[in-house]
N, C-alpha and C. Protein backbone atom coordinates (compact mmCIF):
# COMPACT_ATOMS: atom_id res chain seq x y z
N MET A 1 -4.72 5.79 -2.59
CA MET A 1 -5.73 6.30 -2.06
C MET A 1 -5.92 5.55 -1.05
N ALA A 2 -5.45 4.36 -0.72
CA ALA A 2 -5.72 3.53 0.63
C ALA A 2 -4.71 4.38 1.69
N VAL A 3 -3.70 4.71 1.27
CA VAL A 3 -2.97 5.79 2.57
C VAL A 3 -3.87 6.77 2.74
N ILE A 4 -4.56 7.71 2.29
CA ILE A 4 -4.86 8.79 2.32
C ILE A 4 -6.12 8.44 3.46
N GLU A 5 -7.23 7.50 2.94
CA GLU A 5 -7.95 6.89 3.74
C GLU A 5 -7.79 6.22 5.28
N ARG A 6 -6.71 5.60 5.16
CA ARG A 6 -5.79 5.10 6.72
C ARG A 6 -5.64 6.12 7.37
N LEU A 7 -4.81 7.23 6.60
CA LEU A 7 -4.89 8.06 7.54
C LEU A 7 -5.65 9.44 7.99
N ARG A 8 -6.54 9.60 7.12
CA ARG A 8 -8.13 9.77 7.30
C ARG A 8 -8.59 9.32 8.77
N LYS A 9 -8.57 7.78 8.28
CA LYS A 9 -9.07 7.33 9.80
C LYS A 9 -8.38 7.66 11.03
N LEU A 10 -7.05 7.24 10.93
CA LEU A 10 -6.16 7.42 12.20
C LEU A 10 -6.16 9.09 13.20
N VAL A 11 -6.19 9.48 12.17
CA VAL A 11 -6.34 11.23 12.81
C VAL A 11 -8.10 11.24 13.18
N GLY A 12 -9.07 10.70 12.70
CA GLY A 12 -10.33 10.86 13.09
C GLY A 12 -11.19 11.46 12.19
N LEU A 13 -10.34 11.86 10.90
CA LEU A 13 -11.40 12.71 10.04
C LEU A 13 -12.97 11.77 9.85
N GLU A 14 -12.49 10.62 9.45
CA GLU A 14 -13.54 9.23 8.89
C GLU A 14 -14.92 9.75 9.76
N THR A 15 -14.54 9.68 11.15
CA THR A 15 -15.68 9.73 12.22
C THR A 15 -15.95 11.11 12.29
N HIS A 16 -15.63 12.21 11.97
CA HIS A 16 -15.95 13.49 12.06
C HIS A 16 -16.81 13.64 10.95
N ASP A 17 -15.97 13.42 9.62
CA ASP A 17 -17.01 13.48 8.44
C ASP A 17 -18.68 12.83 8.89
N ARG A 18 -18.63 11.64 8.60
CA ARG A 18 -20.08 10.66 9.17
C ARG A 18 -20.64 11.49 10.35
N VAL A 19 -20.30 12.13 11.44
CA VAL A 19 -20.65 12.41 12.38
C VAL A 19 -21.43 14.07 11.79
N VAL A 20 -20.79 14.67 11.18
CA VAL A 20 -20.99 15.64 10.09
C VAL A 20 -22.30 15.65 9.40
N ASP A 21 -22.30 14.59 8.85
CA ASP A 21 -23.29 14.15 7.40
C ASP A 21 -24.36 13.91 8.29
N VAL A 22 -24.49 13.17 9.35
CA VAL A 22 -25.72 12.78 10.16
C VAL A 22 -26.04 13.55 10.73
N MET A 23 -25.41 14.54 11.58
CA MET A 23 -26.30 16.16 11.87
C MET A 23 -26.73 16.82 10.85
N ALA A 24 -26.27 17.25 9.53
CA ALA A 24 -26.68 17.74 8.40
C ALA A 24 -28.16 16.88 7.90
N ASP A 25 -27.93 15.65 7.99
CA ASP A 25 -29.39 14.86 7.38
C ASP A 25 -30.35 15.12 8.52
N VAL A 26 -30.05 14.88 9.71
CA VAL A 26 -31.11 14.95 10.44
C VAL A 26 -31.68 16.62 10.73
N LEU A 27 -30.92 17.57 10.53
CA LEU A 27 -31.26 18.76 10.20
C LEU A 27 -32.25 18.99 9.42
N ARG A 28 -31.64 18.69 8.12
CA ARG A 28 -32.58 18.76 6.57
C ARG A 28 -34.14 18.14 6.88
N GLY A 29 -33.89 16.95 7.52
CA GLY A 29 -35.05 16.30 7.67
C GLY A 29 -36.08 17.05 8.73
N LYS A 30 -35.55 17.95 9.32
CA LYS A 30 -36.26 19.22 9.83
C LYS A 30 -36.66 20.36 9.41
N HIS A 31 -36.82 19.89 8.33
CA HIS A 31 -36.64 21.45 7.29
C HIS A 31 -35.93 22.64 7.38
N TRP A 32 -34.70 22.26 7.51
CA TRP A 32 -33.65 23.10 8.17
C TRP A 32 -33.02 22.98 6.94
N THR A 33 -32.30 24.62 6.26
CA THR A 33 -31.59 24.63 5.33
C THR A 33 -29.56 24.30 6.27
N VAL A 34 -29.26 23.42 5.49
CA VAL A 34 -27.74 23.51 5.90
C VAL A 34 -26.43 23.60 4.76
N ASP A 35 -25.96 24.45 5.36
CA ASP A 35 -24.51 24.86 4.51
C ASP A 35 -23.21 24.06 5.05
N ARG A 36 -22.56 23.61 3.98
CA ARG A 36 -21.73 22.67 5.14
C ARG A 36 -20.09 23.61 4.18
N ASP A 37 -20.29 24.39 3.41
CA ASP A 37 -19.56 24.85 2.68
C ASP A 37 -19.06 26.30 2.85
N ALA A 38 -20.03 27.17 4.54
CA ALA A 38 -19.80 28.18 4.66
C ALA A 38 -18.28 28.87 4.95
N HIS A 39 -17.96 30.33 5.04
CA HIS A 39 -16.72 30.21 5.66
C HIS A 39 -16.62 31.88 6.08
N PHE A 40 -16.39 32.57 7.06
CA PHE A 40 -16.25 33.77 7.39
C PHE A 40 -14.62 33.74 7.93
N GLY A 41 -13.90 34.42 6.37
CA GLY A 41 -12.75 34.92 6.17
C GLY A 41 -11.77 33.22 6.12
N ALA A 42 -11.08 33.19 7.14
CA ALA A 42 -10.23 31.77 7.52
C ALA A 42 -10.94 30.74 8.26
N ALA A 43 -12.07 31.49 8.92
CA ALA A 43 -12.96 30.40 9.71
C ALA A 43 -13.89 29.54 8.73
N ARG A 44 -13.71 28.52 9.18
CA ARG A 44 -14.96 27.44 8.14
C ARG A 44 -15.84 26.53 9.23
N PRO A 45 -16.83 26.65 9.66
CA PRO A 45 -17.37 25.97 10.88
C PRO A 45 -17.71 24.84 10.03
N ASP A 46 -18.48 23.60 10.83
CA ASP A 46 -18.65 22.56 10.12
C ASP A 46 -19.88 22.32 9.41
N ILE A 47 -20.93 23.29 9.80
CA ILE A 47 -22.08 23.42 9.52
C ILE A 47 -22.85 24.81 9.78
N VAL A 48 -23.52 25.94 9.36
CA VAL A 48 -24.57 27.05 9.23
C VAL A 48 -25.45 26.31 8.72
N ALA A 49 -26.39 26.66 9.64
CA ALA A 49 -27.96 25.99 9.75
C ALA A 49 -28.86 27.00 10.15
N HIS A 50 -29.90 26.89 9.37
CA HIS A 50 -31.33 27.71 9.76
C HIS A 50 -32.55 27.43 9.91
N ASP A 51 -32.88 27.53 10.74
CA ASP A 51 -34.16 26.62 11.22
C ASP A 51 -35.10 27.08 10.63
N PRO A 52 -36.79 26.02 10.52
CA PRO A 52 -37.38 26.83 9.77
C PRO A 52 -38.07 28.37 10.04
N SER A 53 -37.75 28.91 11.27
CA SER A 53 -38.34 30.01 11.62
C SER A 53 -36.70 31.68 10.98
N GLY A 54 -35.92 30.98 10.58
CA GLY A 54 -34.92 31.59 9.98
C GLY A 54 -34.11 32.01 11.14
N ALA A 55 -33.66 31.45 12.34
CA ALA A 55 -32.43 31.60 13.27
C ALA A 55 -31.75 30.92 12.69
N THR A 56 -30.35 31.44 12.82
CA THR A 56 -28.92 31.31 12.38
C THR A 56 -28.13 29.87 13.32
N TYR A 57 -27.44 29.34 12.76
CA TYR A 57 -27.07 28.07 14.20
C TYR A 57 -25.47 28.02 13.23
N VAL A 58 -24.41 28.40 14.03
CA VAL A 58 -22.79 27.53 13.56
C VAL A 58 -22.81 26.38 14.80
N ILE A 59 -22.57 25.59 14.17
CA ILE A 59 -22.21 24.30 14.34
C ILE A 59 -20.86 23.49 14.53
N GLU A 60 -20.21 23.17 15.51
CA GLU A 60 -18.72 22.49 15.03
C GLU A 60 -19.09 21.58 15.72
N VAL A 61 -18.43 19.87 15.16
CA VAL A 61 -18.67 19.01 15.65
C VAL A 61 -17.01 18.21 15.86
N LYS A 62 -16.72 17.91 17.20
CA LYS A 62 -15.77 17.46 17.36
C LYS A 62 -15.76 15.90 17.62
N ALA A 63 -15.18 14.74 16.94
CA ALA A 63 -15.16 13.42 17.16
C ALA A 63 -14.29 13.02 17.10
N GLY A 64 -14.39 12.05 18.22
CA GLY A 64 -12.86 11.24 18.47
C GLY A 64 -12.45 11.47 20.00
N THR A 65 -11.23 11.35 20.40
CA THR A 65 -10.87 11.49 21.77
C THR A 65 -10.07 12.82 22.22
N LYS A 66 -10.20 13.30 23.08
CA LYS A 66 -9.39 14.31 23.71
C LYS A 66 -8.68 15.47 22.57
N ARG A 67 -9.64 16.64 22.76
CA ARG A 67 -9.87 17.53 21.46
C ARG A 67 -9.51 18.88 21.63
N GLY A 68 -9.10 19.09 22.74
CA GLY A 68 -8.51 20.28 23.35
C GLY A 68 -9.70 20.97 23.47
N TYR A 69 -10.30 20.47 24.58
CA TYR A 69 -12.02 21.56 25.27
C TYR A 69 -11.91 22.70 25.36
N LEU A 70 -11.06 23.30 26.04
CA LEU A 70 -10.92 24.63 25.72
C LEU A 70 -11.07 25.63 24.95
N GLY A 71 -9.88 25.03 24.22
CA GLY A 71 -9.92 25.57 23.13
C GLY A 71 -11.28 25.43 21.73
N VAL A 72 -11.51 24.24 22.03
CA VAL A 72 -12.63 24.08 21.14
C VAL A 72 -13.98 25.13 21.43
N VAL A 73 -14.11 25.36 22.58
CA VAL A 73 -15.17 26.47 22.90
C VAL A 73 -15.06 27.51 22.54
N ALA A 74 -13.78 28.26 22.61
CA ALA A 74 -12.90 29.18 22.12
C ALA A 74 -13.38 29.49 20.52
N GLN A 75 -13.48 28.43 19.59
CA GLN A 75 -13.23 28.06 18.56
C GLN A 75 -14.68 28.46 18.02
N VAL A 76 -15.51 28.01 19.00
CA VAL A 76 -16.85 28.17 18.05
C VAL A 76 -17.06 29.71 18.93
N GLU A 77 -16.77 29.62 19.70
CA GLU A 77 -17.25 31.21 20.02
C GLU A 77 -16.50 32.51 19.10
N HIS A 78 -15.63 32.04 18.75
CA HIS A 78 -14.56 33.34 17.64
C HIS A 78 -15.94 32.96 16.48
N TYR A 79 -16.20 31.61 15.61
CA TYR A 79 -17.00 31.77 14.75
C TYR A 79 -18.36 32.22 15.13
N LYS A 80 -19.08 32.33 16.24
CA LYS A 80 -20.22 32.98 16.25
C LYS A 80 -19.92 34.49 16.47
N SER A 81 -18.87 34.63 17.06
CA SER A 81 -18.67 36.01 16.75
C SER A 81 -18.27 36.95 15.26
N LEU A 82 -17.41 35.94 14.47
CA LEU A 82 -17.31 36.16 13.05
C LEU A 82 -18.66 36.52 12.43
N MET A 83 -19.81 35.55 12.44
CA MET A 83 -20.75 35.07 11.99
C MET A 83 -21.96 36.58 12.08
N ALA A 84 -21.96 36.85 13.74
CA ALA A 84 -22.62 38.50 14.02
C ALA A 84 -22.02 39.38 13.45
N ASP A 85 -20.67 39.57 12.93
CA ASP A 85 -20.29 40.64 12.61
C ASP A 85 -20.83 40.93 10.99
N ALA A 86 -20.61 39.47 10.21
CA ALA A 86 -21.16 39.59 9.13
C ALA A 86 -22.70 39.41 8.88
N LEU A 87 -23.33 38.76 9.67
CA LEU A 87 -24.89 39.14 9.31
C LEU A 87 -25.54 39.62 10.08
N GLY A 88 -24.99 40.82 11.12
CA GLY A 88 -25.37 41.86 11.77
C GLY A 88 -26.55 41.14 12.90
N ARG A 89 -26.50 40.01 12.98
CA ARG A 89 -26.89 39.37 14.04
C ARG A 89 -26.58 38.46 14.66
N GLU A 90 -27.01 37.53 15.79
CA GLU A 90 -25.76 36.86 16.50
C GLU A 90 -26.44 35.54 16.14
N PRO A 91 -25.68 34.34 16.10
CA PRO A 91 -26.25 33.21 15.71
C PRO A 91 -26.48 32.34 17.04
N THR A 92 -26.47 30.86 17.23
CA THR A 92 -26.45 30.25 18.25
C THR A 92 -25.44 29.55 17.74
N ALA A 93 -24.65 29.27 18.45
CA ALA A 93 -23.58 28.58 18.61
C ALA A 93 -23.84 27.00 19.13
N ILE A 94 -23.47 26.19 18.81
CA ILE A 94 -23.44 24.40 19.24
C ILE A 94 -22.37 23.94 18.68
N LEU A 95 -21.82 23.29 19.50
CA LEU A 95 -20.44 22.26 19.69
C LEU A 95 -21.07 21.01 20.15
N LEU A 96 -21.21 20.20 19.18
CA LEU A 96 -21.26 18.40 19.32
C LEU A 96 -20.08 18.01 19.66
N LEU A 97 -19.92 17.06 21.09
CA LEU A 97 -18.73 16.41 20.87
C LEU A 97 -19.51 15.10 20.99
N THR A 98 -18.51 14.04 20.99
CA THR A 98 -18.78 12.44 20.62
C THR A 98 -17.83 11.98 21.80
N ASP A 99 -17.30 12.31 22.66
CA ASP A 99 -16.20 11.76 23.45
C ASP A 99 -16.58 12.44 24.73
N ASP A 100 -15.94 11.76 25.76
CA ASP A 100 -16.15 12.04 27.05
C ASP A 100 -15.75 13.81 27.63
N ALA A 101 -16.09 14.33 27.28
CA ALA A 101 -15.18 15.68 28.21
C ALA A 101 -15.56 15.76 29.59
N PRO A 102 -14.70 16.82 30.21
CA PRO A 102 -15.41 16.87 31.29
C PRO A 102 -16.19 17.99 31.91
N MET A 103 -17.39 17.46 32.71
CA MET A 103 -18.46 18.03 32.69
C MET A 103 -18.39 19.67 33.45
N GLU A 104 -17.15 20.16 33.65
CA GLU A 104 -16.71 21.45 33.76
C GLU A 104 -17.12 22.40 32.53
N LEU A 105 -16.89 21.49 31.54
CA LEU A 105 -16.80 22.09 30.15
C LEU A 105 -18.32 22.74 29.95
N ASP A 106 -19.61 22.32 30.53
CA ASP A 106 -20.53 22.70 30.29
C ASP A 106 -20.53 24.19 30.97
N GLU A 107 -20.47 24.15 32.00
CA GLU A 107 -20.17 25.82 32.86
C GLU A 107 -19.45 26.93 31.68
N ILE A 108 -18.20 26.21 31.18
CA ILE A 108 -17.43 27.38 30.43
C ILE A 108 -17.95 27.69 29.04
N ALA A 109 -18.99 26.52 28.46
CA ALA A 109 -19.36 26.75 27.58
C ALA A 109 -20.40 27.69 27.39
N GLN A 110 -21.45 27.34 28.32
CA GLN A 110 -22.31 28.23 28.52
C GLN A 110 -21.82 29.78 28.95
N SER A 111 -21.05 30.01 29.88
CA SER A 111 -20.39 31.42 29.99
C SER A 111 -19.87 32.07 28.56
N ALA A 112 -19.53 30.93 27.51
CA ALA A 112 -19.04 31.86 26.39
C ALA A 112 -20.39 31.66 25.40
N GLY A 113 -21.59 31.15 25.91
CA GLY A 113 -23.03 31.63 24.94
C GLY A 113 -22.71 30.42 23.46
N VAL A 114 -22.04 28.97 24.24
CA VAL A 114 -22.02 27.81 23.24
C VAL A 114 -23.03 26.88 23.59
N GLU A 115 -23.93 26.46 23.32
CA GLU A 115 -24.69 25.64 23.64
C GLU A 115 -23.89 24.18 23.26
N LEU A 116 -23.78 23.31 24.42
CA LEU A 116 -22.70 22.33 24.39
C LEU A 116 -23.86 21.04 24.30
N ILE A 117 -23.64 20.17 23.39
CA ILE A 117 -24.33 18.61 22.97
C ILE A 117 -23.53 17.85 23.02
N ARG A 118 -23.60 17.00 23.68
CA ARG A 118 -23.22 15.52 24.11
C ARG A 118 -23.64 14.38 23.22
N ALA A 119 -23.20 13.74 22.88
CA ALA A 119 -23.60 12.58 22.34
C ALA A 119 -22.51 11.19 22.69
N SER A 120 -23.29 10.46 22.85
CA SER A 120 -22.39 9.00 23.70
C SER A 120 -21.34 8.39 22.94
N SER A 121 -21.45 8.50 21.31
CA SER A 121 -20.49 8.05 20.86
C SER A 121 -20.67 8.97 19.72
N GLY A 122 -19.98 8.49 18.38
CA GLY A 122 -19.85 8.77 17.08
C GLY A 122 -20.73 8.24 16.18
N SER A 123 -21.63 7.09 16.61
CA SER A 123 -22.51 6.14 15.84
C SER A 123 -23.81 7.55 15.27
N PRO A 124 -24.33 6.99 14.37
CA PRO A 124 -25.49 7.70 14.14
C PRO A 124 -26.45 7.41 15.07
N ALA A 125 -26.91 6.58 15.35
CA ALA A 125 -27.80 6.69 16.46
C ALA A 125 -27.47 7.56 17.41
N ALA A 126 -26.38 7.23 18.10
CA ALA A 126 -25.92 8.39 19.15
C ALA A 126 -26.05 10.05 18.87
N VAL A 127 -25.59 10.20 17.66
CA VAL A 127 -25.61 11.83 17.37
C VAL A 127 -27.16 11.92 17.14
N ARG A 128 -28.07 11.47 16.56
CA ARG A 128 -29.35 11.27 16.00
C ARG A 128 -29.79 12.00 17.93
N ALA A 129 -29.52 10.78 18.66
CA ALA A 129 -30.45 11.27 19.96
C ALA A 129 -30.12 12.01 20.49
N SER A 130 -28.59 12.73 20.73
CA SER A 130 -28.05 13.81 20.73
C SER A 130 -28.47 14.83 20.38
N LEU A 131 -29.65 15.22 19.08
CA LEU A 131 -30.14 15.99 18.59
C LEU A 131 -31.42 16.63 19.37
N ALA A 132 -32.32 15.57 20.02
CA ALA A 132 -32.91 15.78 20.31
C ALA A 132 -33.02 16.85 21.72
N THR A 133 -31.73 17.27 22.19
CA THR A 133 -31.55 18.03 23.23
C THR A 133 -31.43 19.63 23.07
N LEU A 134 -31.09 19.55 21.41
CA LEU A 134 -31.20 20.74 20.85
C LEU A 134 -31.96 22.08 21.29
N PRO A 135 -32.08 23.30 21.46
CA PRO A 135 -33.30 23.82 22.20
C PRO A 135 -34.06 24.35 21.42
N VAL A 136 -34.24 23.66 20.50
CA VAL A 136 -35.42 24.44 19.44
C VAL A 136 -36.46 23.23 19.16
N GLY A 137 -37.63 23.57 19.54
CA GLY A 137 -38.45 22.51 19.46
C GLY A 137 -38.66 22.05 17.87
N THR A 138 -38.38 22.91 16.81
CA THR A 138 -38.80 22.13 15.74
C THR A 138 -37.12 20.87 15.47
N VAL A 139 -36.37 20.47 16.24
CA VAL A 139 -35.75 19.88 15.83
C VAL A 139 -36.12 18.18 17.09
N ALA A 140 -36.56 18.65 18.36
CA ALA A 140 -36.98 17.61 18.71
C ALA A 140 -37.59 16.16 18.00
N ALA A 141 -37.22 15.23 18.29
CA ALA A 141 -37.62 13.72 17.78
C ALA A 141 -39.41 13.94 18.02
């Protein structure tokens, strides 16, 4: 078991899981419903959530360093498209990054219809603070 835990830490899964847990807890605290086990075909976003008004969100978290930024935006855009087909309406797509991605990524994400949120680190406090920037008044602290 110790080997698996060391491998998870080495590849950043421990941090990723912690960040997803914090994000899910914050959203639940704001009366959102949170599904961490949703899948659409082979696509498995980190979180599918519904705010109190019923709006749907697909959320992907990338914690750690240098995660192939352009590919990550395309991944979230793909999840959004799959969900739109399945639900008959387009969800809001959110990408939360915990590292320093190039500022140009903001424009790329915006053109793909993905809301980019930057946390200063993967710490619970930094993740909570970053969620105040979500474009929905019901999440603001």
